[in-house]
Amino acid sequence: MDPPKRKSAGERLLVGWRAVALPPDAPPGSGRRGRVREIEPGGVVFESESLMGRGAKVRLVIMLSAPRRGAQARIVEVSCTVAWSLVTRDKVMTKLSFSQFMQGGRDALEAVAGMSLEGDDSPG
């Protein structure tokens, strides 16, 4: 399978990655479970069953699909800010803007998405 083509600003890639959105100091296992439905240079659209307030800070933990059968899935963590939420009949779509990527997360997401991403890298 060929890697996705590099995207220009304003384009997006539709995905279906499992993810959890947590308040910054939340213990593991206590977040909102959902899926990243699209990624663009400035952030992602996260689908869940919970509304998050505009301007709220969250840690988004994304499980990227394994690149091939038998390979291990990659976990990526990024700090985000809620830009907007759209409530539909059975789900909530939330735009999360990237703030800071943790431990090589930017490189992993850029490789999978085929685009340059905005946001800072964590030190170290």
PDB file of N, CA and C in Angstrom:
ATOM      1  N   MET A   1       0.838  -1.176   0.000  1.00  0.00           N
ATOM      2  CA  MET A   1       0.000   0.000   0.000  1.00  0.00           C
ATOM      3  C   MET A   1       0.883   1.240   0.000  1.00  0.00           C
ATOM      4  N   ASP A   2       0.600   2.176  -0.891  1.00  0.00           N
ATOM      5  CA  ASP A   2       1.375   3.408  -0.967  1.00  0.00           C
ATOM      6  C   ASP A   2       1.031   4.327   0.192  1.00  0.00           C
ATOM      7  N   PRO A   3       2.028   5.122   0.687  1.00  0.00           N
ATOM      8  CA  PRO A   3       1.727   6.081   1.749  1.00  0.00           C
ATOM      9  C   PRO A   3       0.810   7.182   1.210  1.00  0.00           C
ATOM     10  N   PRO A   4       0.048   7.841   2.111  1.00  0.00           N
ATOM     11  CA  PRO A   4      -0.817   8.927   1.647  1.00  0.00           C
ATOM     12  C   PRO A   4       0.007  10.026   0.994  1.00  0.00           C
ATOM     13  N   LYS A   5      -0.602  10.724   0.044  1.00  0.00           N
ATOM     14  CA  LYS A   5       0.088  11.830  -0.609  1.00  0.00           C
ATOM     15  C   LYS A   5       0.180  13.009   0.346  1.00  0.00           C
ATOM     16  N   ARG A   6       1.253  13.808   0.195  1.00  0.00           N
ATOM     17  CA  ARG A   6       1.430  14.990   1.029  1.00  0.00           C
ATOM     18  C   ARG A   6       0.283  15.952   0.770  1.00  0.00           C
ATOM     19  N   LYS A   7      -0.272  16.482   1.838  1.00  0.00           N
ATOM     20  CA  LYS A   7      -1.416  17.378   1.744  1.00  0.00           C
ATOM     21  C   LYS A   7      -0.957  18.827   1.861  1.00  0.00           C
ATOM     22  N   SER A   8      -1.674  19.710   1.197  1.00  0.00           N
ATOM     23  CA  SER A   8      -1.388  21.133   1.347  1.00  0.00           C
ATOM     24  C   SER A   8      -2.312  21.693   2.418  1.00  0.00           C
ATOM     25  N   ALA A   9      -2.021  22.921   2.874  1.00  0.00           N
ATOM     26  CA  ALA A   9      -2.859  23.562   3.883  1.00  0.00           C
ATOM     27  C   ALA A   9      -4.295  23.594   3.395  1.00  0.00           C
ATOM     28  N   GLY A  10      -5.226  23.323   4.271  1.00  0.00           N
ATOM     29  CA  GLY A  10      -6.632  23.322   3.907  1.00  0.00           C
ATOM     30  C   GLY A  10      -7.159  21.956   3.533  1.00  0.00           C
ATOM     31  N   GLU A  11      -6.287  20.997   3.278  1.00  0.00           N
ATOM     32  CA  GLU A  11      -6.743  19.644   2.970  1.00  0.00           C
ATOM     33  C   GLU A  11      -6.762  18.819   4.242  1.00  0.00           C
ATOM     34  N   ARG A  12      -7.450  17.692   4.172  1.00  0.00           N
ATOM     35  CA  ARG A  12      -7.558  16.821   5.333  1.00  0.00           C
ATOM     36  C   ARG A  12      -7.526  15.370   4.889  1.00  0.00           C
ATOM     37  N   LEU A  13      -7.250  14.513   5.843  1.00  0.00           N
ATOM     38  CA  LEU A  13      -7.218  13.082   5.597  1.00  0.00           C
ATOM     39  C   LEU A  13      -8.256  12.437   6.508  1.00  0.00           C
ATOM     40  N   LEU A  14      -9.177  11.663   5.929  1.00  0.00           N
ATOM     41  CA  LEU A  14     -10.179  10.958   6.713  1.00  0.00           C
ATOM     42  C   LEU A  14      -9.561   9.689   7.279  1.00  0.00           C
ATOM     43  N   VAL A  15      -9.740   9.465   8.586  1.00  0.00           N
ATOM     44  CA  VAL A  15      -9.149   8.319   9.269  1.00  0.00           C
ATOM     45  C   VAL A  15     -10.192   7.726  10.221  1.00  0.00           C
ATOM     46  N   GLY A  16      -9.826   6.725  10.964  1.00  0.00           N
ATOM     47  CA  GLY A  16     -10.723   6.109  11.932  1.00  0.00           C
ATOM     48  C   GLY A  16      -9.961   5.585  13.136  1.00  0.00           C
ATOM     49  N   TRP A  17      -8.971   6.341  13.598  1.00  0.00           N
ATOM     50  CA  TRP A  17      -8.115   5.895  14.694  1.00  0.00           C
ATOM     51  C   TRP A  17      -8.841   5.949  16.030  1.00  0.00           C
ATOM     52  N   ARG A  18      -8.674   4.909  16.839  1.00  0.00           N
ATOM     53  CA  ARG A  18      -9.195   4.932  18.204  1.00  0.00           C
ATOM     54  C   ARG A  18      -8.399   5.950  19.011  1.00  0.00           C
ATOM     55  N   ALA A  19      -9.092   6.635  19.926  1.00  0.00           N
ATOM     56  CA  ALA A  19      -8.430   7.665  20.718  1.00  0.00           C
ATOM     57  C   ALA A  19      -9.170   7.889  22.029  1.00  0.00           C
ATOM     58  N   VAL A  20      -8.471   8.530  22.962  1.00  0.00           N
ATOM     59  CA  VAL A  20      -9.047   8.923  24.247  1.00  0.00           C
ATOM     60  C   VAL A  20      -8.648  10.370  24.495  1.00  0.00           C
ATOM     61  N   ALA A  21      -9.613  11.202  24.868  1.00  0.00           N
ATOM     62  CA  ALA A  21      -9.353  12.597  25.237  1.00  0.00           C
ATOM     63  C   ALA A  21      -9.473  12.710  26.751  1.00  0.00           C
ATOM     64  N   LEU A  22      -8.413  13.222  27.387  1.00  0.00           N
ATOM     65  CA  LEU A  22      -8.376  13.322  28.849  1.00  0.00           C
ATOM     66  C   LEU A  22      -8.091  14.759  29.271  1.00  0.00           C
ATOM     67  N   PRO A  23      -8.660  15.188  30.411  1.00  0.00           N
ATOM     68  CA  PRO A  23      -8.215  16.455  30.979  1.00  0.00           C
ATOM     69  C   PRO A  23      -6.717  16.345  31.276  1.00  0.00           C
ATOM     70  N   PRO A  24      -5.992  17.458  31.301  1.00  0.00           N
ATOM     71  CA  PRO A  24      -4.524  17.404  31.427  1.00  0.00           C
ATOM     72  C   PRO A  24      -3.992  16.562  32.589  1.00  0.00           C
ATOM     73  N   ASP A  25      -4.641  16.568  33.740  1.00  0.00           N
ATOM     74  CA  ASP A  25      -4.120  15.849  34.907  1.00  0.00           C
ATOM     75  C   ASP A  25      -4.926  14.599  35.246  1.00  0.00           C
ATOM     76  N   ALA A  26      -5.693  14.088  34.312  1.00  0.00           N
ATOM     77  CA  ALA A  26      -6.546  12.924  34.573  1.00  0.00           C
ATOM     78  C   ALA A  26      -5.724  11.644  34.661  1.00  0.00           C
ATOM     79  N   PRO A  27      -6.148  10.729  35.529  1.00  0.00           N
ATOM     80  CA  PRO A  27      -5.455   9.434  35.588  1.00  0.00           C
ATOM     81  C   PRO A  27      -5.791   8.597  34.358  1.00  0.00           C
ATOM     82  N   PRO A  28      -4.918   7.668  33.984  1.00  0.00           N
ATOM     83  CA  PRO A  28      -5.195   6.797  32.835  1.00  0.00           C
ATOM     84  C   PRO A  28      -6.534   6.070  33.007  1.00  0.00           C
ATOM     85  N   GLY A  29      -7.233   5.873  31.903  1.00  0.00           N
ATOM     86  CA  GLY A  29      -8.495   5.154  31.917  1.00  0.00           C
ATOM     87  C   GLY A  29      -9.711   5.990  32.259  1.00  0.00           C
ATOM     88  N   SER A  30      -9.535   7.297  32.451  1.00  0.00           N
ATOM     89  CA  SER A  30     -10.659   8.134  32.884  1.00  0.00           C
ATOM     90  C   SER A  30     -11.136   9.117  31.817  1.00  0.00           C
ATOM     91  N   GLY A  31     -10.719   8.937  30.584  1.00  0.00           N
ATOM     92  CA  GLY A  31     -11.037   9.923  29.549  1.00  0.00           C
ATOM     93  C   GLY A  31     -12.264   9.587  28.736  1.00  0.00           C
ATOM     94  N   ARG A  32     -12.501  10.430  27.742  1.00  0.00           N
ATOM     95  CA  ARG A  32     -13.592  10.236  26.789  1.00  0.00           C
ATOM     96  C   ARG A  32     -13.065   9.386  25.637  1.00  0.00           C
ATOM     97  N   ARG A  33     -13.659   8.240  25.442  1.00  0.00           N
ATOM     98  CA  ARG A  33     -13.238   7.350  24.355  1.00  0.00           C
ATOM     99  C   ARG A  33     -13.965   7.745  23.073  1.00  0.00           C
ATOM    100  N   GLY A  34     -13.259   7.610  21.953  1.00  0.00           N
ATOM    101  CA  GLY A  34     -13.862   7.932  20.674  1.00  0.00           C
ATOM    102  C   GLY A  34     -12.938   7.577  19.536  1.00  0.00           C
ATOM    103  N   ARG A  35     -13.108   8.282  18.430  1.00  0.00           N
ATOM    104  CA  ARG A  35     -12.280   8.055  17.241  1.00  0.00           C
ATOM    105  C   ARG A  35     -11.881   9.385  16.621  1.00  0.00           C
ATOM    106  N   VAL A  36     -10.649   9.437  16.144  1.00  0.00           N
ATOM    107  CA  VAL A  36     -10.227  10.557  15.311  1.00  0.00           C
ATOM    108  C   VAL A  36     -10.785  10.272  13.930  1.00  0.00           C
ATOM    109  N   ARG A  37     -11.603  11.161  13.411  1.00  0.00           N
ATOM    110  CA  ARG A  37     -12.252  10.951  12.111  1.00  0.00           C
ATOM    111  C   ARG A  37     -11.544  11.670  10.973  1.00  0.00           C
ATOM    112  N   GLU A  38     -10.837  12.758  11.285  1.00  0.00           N
ATOM    113  CA  GLU A  38     -10.035  13.413  10.246  1.00  0.00           C
ATOM    114  C   GLU A  38      -8.883  14.149  10.898  1.00  0.00           C
ATOM    115  N   ILE A  39      -7.818  14.297  10.108  1.00  0.00           N
ATOM    116  CA  ILE A  39      -6.641  15.038  10.557  1.00  0.00           C
ATOM    117  C   ILE A  39      -6.321  16.059   9.484  1.00  0.00           C
ATOM    118  N   GLU A  40      -5.915  17.231   9.931  1.00  0.00           N
ATOM    119  CA  GLU A  40      -5.466  18.305   9.037  1.00  0.00           C
ATOM    120  C   GLU A  40      -4.260  18.952   9.717  1.00  0.00           C
ATOM    121  N   PRO A  41      -3.558  19.857   9.052  1.00  0.00           N
ATOM    122  CA  PRO A  41      -2.331  20.396   9.644  1.00  0.00           C
ATOM    123  C   PRO A  41      -2.489  20.983  11.051  1.00  0.00           C
ATOM    124  N   GLY A  42      -3.627  21.586  11.362  1.00  0.00           N
ATOM    125  CA  GLY A  42      -3.798  22.244  12.656  1.00  0.00           C
ATOM    126  C   GLY A  42      -4.439  21.421  13.740  1.00  0.00           C
ATOM    127  N   GLY A  43      -4.944  20.227  13.422  1.00  0.00           N
ATOM    128  CA  GLY A  43      -5.598  19.445  14.461  1.00  0.00           C
ATOM    129  C   GLY A  43      -6.389  18.280  13.902  1.00  0.00           C
ATOM    130  N   VAL A  44      -7.328  17.792  14.718  1.00  0.00           N
ATOM    131  CA  VAL A  44      -8.135  16.641  14.348  1.00  0.00           C
ATOM    132  C   VAL A  44      -9.598  16.902  14.675  1.00  0.00           C
ATOM    133  N   VAL A  45     -10.467  16.114  14.053  1.00  0.00           N
ATOM    134  CA  VAL A  45     -11.868  16.058  14.462  1.00  0.00           C
ATOM    135  C   VAL A  45     -12.040  14.741  15.203  1.00  0.00           C
ATOM    136  N   PHE A  46     -12.478  14.854  16.461  1.00  0.00           N
ATOM    137  CA  PHE A  46     -12.625  13.728  17.376  1.00  0.00           C
ATOM    138  C   PHE A  46     -14.108  13.440  17.558  1.00  0.00           C
ATOM    139  N   GLU A  47     -14.514  12.197  17.328  1.00  0.00           N
ATOM    140  CA  GLU A  47     -15.906  11.776  17.484  1.00  0.00           C
ATOM    141  C   GLU A  47     -16.056  11.022  18.794  1.00  0.00           C
ATOM    142  N   SER A  48     -17.014  11.460  19.619  1.00  0.00           N
ATOM    143  CA  SER A  48     -17.263  10.783  20.889  1.00  0.00           C
ATOM    144  C   SER A  48     -18.728  10.954  21.265  1.00  0.00           C
ATOM    145  N   GLU A  49     -19.055  10.575  22.478  1.00  0.00           N
ATOM    146  CA  GLU A  49     -20.418  10.748  22.978  1.00  0.00           C
ATOM    147  C   GLU A  49     -20.499  11.865  24.003  1.00  0.00           C
ATOM    148  N   SER A  50     -19.392  12.589  24.224  1.00  0.00           N
ATOM    149  CA  SER A  50     -19.338  13.611  25.268  1.00  0.00           C
ATOM    150  C   SER A  50     -18.999  14.980  24.701  1.00  0.00           C
ATOM    151  N   LEU A  51     -19.680  15.977  25.205  1.00  0.00           N
ATOM    152  CA  LEU A  51     -19.429  17.363  24.824  1.00  0.00           C
ATOM    153  C   LEU A  51     -18.259  17.911  25.630  1.00  0.00           C
ATOM    154  N   MET A  52     -17.359  18.627  24.969  1.00  0.00           N
ATOM    155  CA  MET A  52     -16.241  19.293  25.631  1.00  0.00           C
ATOM    156  C   MET A  52     -16.385  20.784  25.374  1.00  0.00           C
ATOM    157  N   GLY A  53     -16.145  21.589  26.388  1.00  0.00           N
ATOM    158  CA  GLY A  53     -16.314  23.033  26.280  1.00  0.00           C
ATOM    159  C   GLY A  53     -15.232  23.693  25.440  1.00  0.00           C
ATOM    160  N   ARG A  54     -15.638  24.688  24.663  1.00  0.00           N
ATOM    161  CA  ARG A  54     -14.680  25.434  23.828  1.00  0.00           C
ATOM    162  C   ARG A  54     -13.592  26.040  24.707  1.00  0.00           C
ATOM    163  N   GLY A  55     -12.352  25.895  24.258  1.00  0.00           N
ATOM    164  CA  GLY A  55     -11.211  26.415  24.991  1.00  0.00           C
ATOM    165  C   GLY A  55     -10.632  25.453  26.009  1.00  0.00           C
ATOM    166  N   ALA A  56     -11.325  24.337  26.267  1.00  0.00           N
ATOM    167  CA  ALA A  56     -10.824  23.347  27.226  1.00  0.00           C
ATOM    168  C   ALA A  56      -9.525  22.733  26.723  1.00  0.00           C
ATOM    169  N   LYS A  57      -8.637  22.427  27.642  1.00  0.00           N
ATOM    170  CA  LYS A  57      -7.371  21.768  27.326  1.00  0.00           C
ATOM    171  C   LYS A  57      -7.546  20.267  27.543  1.00  0.00           C
ATOM    172  N   VAL A  58      -7.072  19.468  26.601  1.00  0.00           N
ATOM    173  CA  VAL A  58      -7.144  18.012  26.726  1.00  0.00           C
ATOM    174  C   VAL A  58      -5.851  17.382  26.240  1.00  0.00           C
ATOM    175  N   ARG A  59      -5.589  16.182  26.748  1.00  0.00           N
ATOM    176  CA  ARG A  59      -4.522  15.336  26.221  1.00  0.00           C
ATOM    177  C   ARG A  59      -5.208  14.320  25.341  1.00  0.00           C
ATOM    178  N   LEU A  60      -4.795  14.240  24.094  1.00  0.00           N
ATOM    179  CA  LEU A  60      -5.375  13.269  23.167  1.00  0.00           C
ATOM    180  C   LEU A  60      -4.378  12.141  22.976  1.00  0.00           C
ATOM    181  N   VAL A  61      -4.815  10.919  23.286  1.00  0.00           N
ATOM    182  CA  VAL A  61      -3.988   9.729  23.106  1.00  0.00           C
ATOM    183  C   VAL A  61      -4.582   8.962  21.934  1.00  0.00           C
ATOM    184  N   ILE A  62      -3.804   8.832  20.863  1.00  0.00           N
ATOM    185  CA  ILE A  62      -4.270   8.230  19.614  1.00  0.00           C
ATOM    186  C   ILE A  62      -3.554   6.902  19.401  1.00  0.00           C
ATOM    187  N   MET A  63      -4.312   5.872  19.027  1.00  0.00           N
ATOM    188  CA  MET A  63      -3.709   4.594  18.660  1.00  0.00           C
ATOM    189  C   MET A  63      -3.712   4.503  17.140  1.00  0.00           C
ATOM    190  N   LEU A  64      -2.539   4.705  16.551  1.00  0.00           N
ATOM    191  CA  LEU A  64      -2.404   4.613  15.103  1.00  0.00           C
ATOM    192  C   LEU A  64      -2.440   3.152  14.694  1.00  0.00           C
ATOM    193  N   SER A  65      -3.095   2.864  13.621  1.00  0.00           N
ATOM    194  CA  SER A  65      -3.174   1.493  13.115  1.00  0.00           C
ATOM    195  C   SER A  65      -1.781   0.979  12.799  1.00  0.00           C
ATOM    196  N   ALA A  66      -1.584  -0.310  12.990  1.00  0.00           N
ATOM    197  CA  ALA A  66      -0.306  -0.929  12.646  1.00  0.00           C
ATOM    198  C   ALA A  66      -0.077  -0.807  11.145  1.00  0.00           C
ATOM    199  N   PRO A  67       1.148  -0.480  10.711  1.00  0.00           N
ATOM    200  CA  PRO A  67       1.419  -0.278   9.292  1.00  0.00           C
ATOM    201  C   PRO A  67       1.288  -1.554   8.450  1.00  0.00           C
ATOM    202  N   ARG A  68       1.423  -2.715   9.077  1.00  0.00           N
ATOM    203  CA  ARG A  68       1.280  -3.980   8.347  1.00  0.00           C
ATOM    204  C   ARG A  68       0.890  -5.062   9.348  1.00  0.00           C
ATOM    205  N   ARG A  69       0.380  -6.150   8.831  1.00  0.00           N
ATOM    206  CA  ARG A  69      -0.050  -7.265   9.681  1.00  0.00           C
ATOM    207  C   ARG A  69       1.130  -7.765  10.514  1.00  0.00           C
ATOM    208  N   GLY A  70       0.887  -7.953  11.800  1.00  0.00           N
ATOM    209  CA  GLY A  70       1.936  -8.435  12.684  1.00  0.00           C
ATOM    210  C   GLY A  70       2.765  -7.331  13.308  1.00  0.00           C
ATOM    211  N   ALA A  71       2.649  -6.114  12.791  1.00  0.00           N
ATOM    212  CA  ALA A  71       3.390  -4.984  13.356  1.00  0.00           C
ATOM    213  C   ALA A  71       2.620  -4.427  14.555  1.00  0.00           C
ATOM    214  N   GLN A  72       3.324  -3.726  15.397  1.00  0.00           N
ATOM    215  CA  GLN A  72       2.709  -3.154  16.587  1.00  0.00           C
ATOM    216  C   GLN A  72       2.112  -1.779  16.280  1.00  0.00           C
ATOM    217  N   ALA A  73       0.909  -1.516  16.811  1.00  0.00           N
ATOM    218  CA  ALA A  73       0.290  -0.194  16.669  1.00  0.00           C
ATOM    219  C   ALA A  73       1.115   0.822  17.450  1.00  0.00           C
ATOM    220  N   ARG A  74       1.083   2.076  17.028  1.00  0.00           N
ATOM    221  CA  ARG A  74       1.846   3.146  17.672  1.00  0.00           C
ATOM    222  C   ARG A  74       0.892   4.031  18.464  1.00  0.00           C
ATOM    223  N   ILE A  75       1.269   4.368  19.682  1.00  0.00           N
ATOM    224  CA  ILE A  75       0.485   5.269  20.524  1.00  0.00           C
ATOM    225  C   ILE A  75       1.124   6.652  20.443  1.00  0.00           C
ATOM    226  N   VAL A  76       0.299   7.667  20.145  1.00  0.00           N
ATOM    227  CA  VAL A  76       0.762   9.047  20.035  1.00  0.00           C
ATOM    228  C   VAL A  76      -0.033   9.889  21.011  1.00  0.00           C
ATOM    229  N   GLU A  77       0.657  10.792  21.695  1.00  0.00           N
ATOM    230  CA  GLU A  77      -0.019  11.688  22.636  1.00  0.00           C
ATOM    231  C   GLU A  77       0.265  13.135  22.248  1.00  0.00           C
ATOM    232  N   VAL A  78      -0.790  13.960  22.264  1.00  0.00           N
ATOM    233  CA  VAL A  78      -0.650  15.372  21.917  1.00  0.00           C
ATOM    234  C   VAL A  78      -1.592  16.199  22.782  1.00  0.00           C
ATOM    235  N   SER A  79      -1.090  17.321  23.285  1.00  0.00           N
ATOM    236  CA  SER A  79      -1.934  18.268  24.015  1.00  0.00           C
ATOM    237  C   SER A  79      -2.703  19.096  22.996  1.00  0.00           C
ATOM    238  N   CYS A  80      -3.982  19.330  23.276  1.00  0.00           N
ATOM    239  CA  CYS A  80      -4.859  20.039  22.340  1.00  0.00           C
ATOM    240  C   CYS A  80      -5.747  21.029  23.083  1.00  0.00           C
ATOM    241  N   THR A  81      -6.344  21.915  22.297  1.00  0.00           N
ATOM    242  CA  THR A  81      -7.353  22.845  22.798  1.00  0.00           C
ATOM    243  C   THR A  81      -8.619  22.626  21.991  1.00  0.00           C
ATOM    244  N   VAL A  82      -9.767  22.588  22.660  1.00  0.00           N
ATOM    245  CA  VAL A  82     -11.049  22.414  21.982  1.00  0.00           C
ATOM    246  C   VAL A  82     -11.378  23.700  21.222  1.00  0.00           C
ATOM    247  N   ALA A  83     -11.539  23.589  19.900  1.00  0.00           N
ATOM    248  CA  ALA A  83     -11.885  24.741  19.060  1.00  0.00           C
ATOM    249  C   ALA A  83     -13.401  24.872  18.903  1.00  0.00           C
ATOM    250  N   TRP A  84     -14.073  23.749  18.693  1.00  0.00           N
ATOM    251  CA  TRP A  84     -15.530  23.743  18.567  1.00  0.00           C
ATOM    252  C   TRP A  84     -16.057  22.337  18.749  1.00  0.00           C
ATOM    253  N   SER A  85     -17.352  22.234  19.028  1.00  0.00           N
ATOM    254  CA  SER A  85     -18.040  20.940  19.105  1.00  0.00           C
ATOM    255  C   SER A  85     -19.359  21.056  18.359  1.00  0.00           C
ATOM    256  N   LEU A  86     -19.734  19.992  17.688  1.00  0.00           N
ATOM    257  CA  LEU A  86     -20.992  19.911  16.953  1.00  0.00           C
ATOM    258  C   LEU A  86     -21.735  18.686  17.461  1.00  0.00           C
ATOM    259  N   VAL A  87     -22.921  18.911  18.022  1.00  0.00           N
ATOM    260  CA  VAL A  87     -23.724  17.826  18.568  1.00  0.00           C
ATOM    261  C   VAL A  87     -24.711  17.369  17.507  1.00  0.00           C
ATOM    262  N   THR A  88     -24.704  16.066  17.224  1.00  0.00           N
ATOM    263  CA  THR A  88     -25.684  15.476  16.310  1.00  0.00           C
ATOM    264  C   THR A  88     -26.604  14.572  17.125  1.00  0.00           C
ATOM    265  N   ARG A  89     -27.478  13.866  16.470  1.00  0.00           N
ATOM    266  CA  ARG A  89     -28.443  13.025  17.167  1.00  0.00           C
ATOM    267  C   ARG A  89     -27.771  11.954  18.034  1.00  0.00           C
ATOM    268  N   ASP A  90     -26.677  11.364  17.555  1.00  0.00           N
ATOM    269  CA  ASP A  90     -26.089  10.244  18.290  1.00  0.00           C
ATOM    270  C   ASP A  90     -24.603  10.362  18.601  1.00  0.00           C
ATOM    271  N   LYS A  91     -24.000  11.524  18.311  1.00  0.00           N
ATOM    272  CA  LYS A  91     -22.569  11.679  18.594  1.00  0.00           C
ATOM    273  C   LYS A  91     -22.207  13.160  18.696  1.00  0.00           C
ATOM    274  N   VAL A  92     -20.977  13.398  19.157  1.00  0.00           N
ATOM    275  CA  VAL A  92     -20.437  14.756  19.244  1.00  0.00           C
ATOM    276  C   VAL A  92     -19.145  14.783  18.441  1.00  0.00           C
ATOM    277  N   MET A  93     -19.049  15.708  17.499  1.00  0.00           N
ATOM    278  CA  MET A  93     -17.828  15.904  16.722  1.00  0.00           C
ATOM    279  C   MET A  93     -17.123  17.129  17.318  1.00  0.00           C
ATOM    280  N   THR A  94     -15.862  16.965  17.703  1.00  0.00           N
ATOM    281  CA  THR A  94     -15.113  18.040  18.359  1.00  0.00           C
ATOM    282  C   THR A  94     -13.823  18.303  17.606  1.00  0.00           C
ATOM    283  N   LYS A  95     -13.584  19.563  17.248  1.00  0.00           N
ATOM    284  CA  LYS A  95     -12.310  19.957  16.614  1.00  0.00           C
ATOM    285  C   LYS A  95     -11.312  20.236  17.722  1.00  0.00           C
ATOM    286  N   LEU A  96     -10.217  19.491  17.713  1.00  0.00           N
ATOM    287  CA  LEU A  96      -9.129  19.675  18.670  1.00  0.00           C
ATOM    288  C   LEU A  96      -7.925  20.248  17.936  1.00  0.00           C
ATOM    289  N   SER A  97      -7.487  21.429  18.344  1.00  0.00           N
ATOM    290  CA  SER A  97      -6.321  22.081  17.734  1.00  0.00           C
ATOM    291  C   SER A  97      -5.054  21.639  18.463  1.00  0.00           C
ATOM    292  N   PHE A  98      -4.036  21.249  17.685  1.00  0.00           N
ATOM    293  CA  PHE A  98      -2.779  20.793  18.268  1.00  0.00           C
ATOM    294  C   PHE A  98      -2.100  21.923  19.035  1.00  0.00           C
ATOM    295  N   SER A  99      -1.568  21.594  20.230  1.00  0.00           N
ATOM    296  CA  SER A  99      -0.762  22.530  21.006  1.00  0.00           C
ATOM    297  C   SER A  99       0.668  22.022  21.134  1.00  0.00           C
ATOM    298  N   GLN A 100       0.812  20.781  21.653  1.00  0.00           N
ATOM    299  CA  GLN A 100       2.154  20.242  21.882  1.00  0.00           C
ATOM    300  C   GLN A 100       2.159  18.728  21.726  1.00  0.00           C
ATOM    301  N   PHE A 101       3.091  18.243  20.890  1.00  0.00           N
ATOM    302  CA  PHE A 101       3.257  16.809  20.660  1.00  0.00           C
ATOM    303  C   PHE A 101       4.222  16.236  21.685  1.00  0.00           C
ATOM    304  N   MET A 102       3.923  15.039  22.177  1.00  0.00           N
ATOM    305  CA  MET A 102       4.778  14.383  23.161  1.00  0.00           C
ATOM    306  C   MET A 102       5.632  13.312  22.495  1.00  0.00           C
ATOM    307  N   GLN A 103       6.884  13.209  22.893  1.00  0.00           N
ATOM    308  CA  GLN A 103       7.802  12.119  22.579  1.00  0.00           C
ATOM    309  C   GLN A 103       7.705  11.555  21.163  1.00  0.00           C
ATOM    310  N   GLY A 104       8.011  12.361  20.177  1.00  0.00           N
ATOM    311  CA  GLY A 104       8.049  11.884  18.796  1.00  0.00           C
ATOM    312  C   GLY A 104       6.698  11.720  18.133  1.00  0.00           C
ATOM    313  N   GLY A 105       5.648  12.204  18.770  1.00  0.00           N
ATOM    314  CA  GLY A 105       4.307  12.079  18.223  1.00  0.00           C
ATOM    315  C   GLY A 105       4.120  12.792  16.898  1.00  0.00           C
ATOM    316  N   ARG A 106       4.761  13.955  16.756  1.00  0.00           N
ATOM    317  CA  ARG A 106       4.642  14.696  15.498  1.00  0.00           C
ATOM    318  C   ARG A 106       5.168  13.859  14.335  1.00  0.00           C
ATOM    319  N   ASP A 107       6.347  13.284  14.495  1.00  0.00           N
ATOM    320  CA  ASP A 107       6.951  12.486  13.423  1.00  0.00           C
ATOM    321  C   ASP A 107       6.060  11.311  13.034  1.00  0.00           C
ATOM    322  N   ALA A 108       5.509  10.623  14.036  1.00  0.00           N
ATOM    323  CA  ALA A 108       4.656   9.470  13.758  1.00  0.00           C
ATOM    324  C   ALA A 108       3.394   9.881  13.010  1.00  0.00           C
ATOM    325  N   LEU A 109       2.741  10.956  13.463  1.00  0.00           N
ATOM    326  CA  LEU A 109       1.520  11.413  12.796  1.00  0.00           C
ATOM    327  C   LEU A 109       1.805  11.946  11.398  1.00  0.00           C
ATOM    328  N   GLU A 110       2.887  12.701  11.239  1.00  0.00           N
ATOM    329  CA  GLU A 110       3.230  13.223   9.909  1.00  0.00           C
ATOM    330  C   GLU A 110       3.507  12.086   8.934  1.00  0.00           C
ATOM    331  N   ALA A 111       4.170  11.038   9.394  1.00  0.00           N
ATOM    332  CA  ALA A 111       4.482   9.905   8.516  1.00  0.00           C
ATOM    333  C   ALA A 111       3.207   9.202   8.056  1.00  0.00           C
ATOM    334  N   VAL A 112       2.267   9.026   8.959  1.00  0.00           N
ATOM    335  CA  VAL A 112       1.027   8.333   8.615  1.00  0.00           C
ATOM    336  C   VAL A 112       0.103   9.217   7.787  1.00  0.00           C
ATOM    337  N   ALA A 113       0.005  10.501   8.158  1.00  0.00           N
ATOM    338  CA  ALA A 113      -0.924  11.410   7.477  1.00  0.00           C
ATOM    339  C   ALA A 113      -0.363  11.983   6.180  1.00  0.00           C
ATOM    340  N   GLY A 114       0.959  11.979   6.035  1.00  0.00           N
ATOM    341  CA  GLY A 114       1.556  12.512   4.815  1.00  0.00           C
ATOM    342  C   GLY A 114       1.455  14.017   4.706  1.00  0.00           C
ATOM    343  N   MET A 115       1.475  14.720   5.852  1.00  0.00           N
ATOM    344  CA  MET A 115       1.395  16.181   5.838  1.00  0.00           C
ATOM    345  C   MET A 115       2.189  16.743   7.005  1.00  0.00           C
ATOM    346  N   SER A 116       2.592  18.000   6.876  1.00  0.00           N
ATOM    347  CA  SER A 116       3.260  18.700   7.981  1.00  0.00           C
ATOM    348  C   SER A 116       2.202  19.187   8.945  1.00  0.00           C
ATOM    349  N   LEU A 117       2.481  19.046  10.242  1.00  0.00           N
ATOM    350  CA  LEU A 117       1.514  19.416  11.263  1.00  0.00           C
ATOM    351  C   LEU A 117       1.990  20.608  12.068  1.00  0.00           C
ATOM    352  N   GLU A 118       1.042  21.413  12.533  1.00  0.00           N
ATOM    353  CA  GLU A 118       1.325  22.585  13.358  1.00  0.00           C
ATOM    354  C   GLU A 118       1.363  22.156  14.826  1.00  0.00           C
ATOM    355  N   GLY A 119       1.995  22.967  15.657  1.00  0.00           N
ATOM    356  CA  GLY A 119       2.072  22.686  17.101  1.00  0.00           C
ATOM    357  C   GLY A 119       3.521  22.539  17.509  1.00  0.00           C
ATOM    358  N   ASP A 120       3.763  22.608  18.816  1.00  0.00           N
ATOM    359  CA  ASP A 120       5.107  22.515  19.355  1.00  0.00           C
ATOM    360  C   ASP A 120       5.446  21.081  19.724  1.00  0.00           C
ATOM    361  N   ASP A 121       6.752  20.812  19.825  1.00  0.00           N
ATOM    362  CA  ASP A 121       7.221  19.510  20.308  1.00  0.00           C
ATOM    363  C   ASP A 121       7.607  19.661  21.772  1.00  0.00           C
ATOM    364  N   SER A 122       7.330  18.643  22.572  1.00  0.00           N
ATOM    365  CA  SER A 122       7.712  18.703  23.978  1.00  0.00           C
ATOM    366  C   SER A 122       9.224  18.599  24.074  1.00  0.00           C
ATOM    367  N   PRO A 123       9.821  19.260  25.066  1.00  0.00           N
ATOM    368  CA  PRO A 123      11.267  19.154  25.234  1.00  0.00           C
ATOM    369  C   PRO A 123      11.663  17.730  25.599  1.00  0.00           C
ATOM    370  N   GLY A 124      12.814  17.304  25.066  1.00  0.00           N
ATOM    371  CA  GLY A 124      13.341  15.981  25.405  1.00  0.00           C
ATOM    372  C   GLY A 124      12.669  14.961  24.660  1.00  0.00           C
TER     373      GLY A 124
END
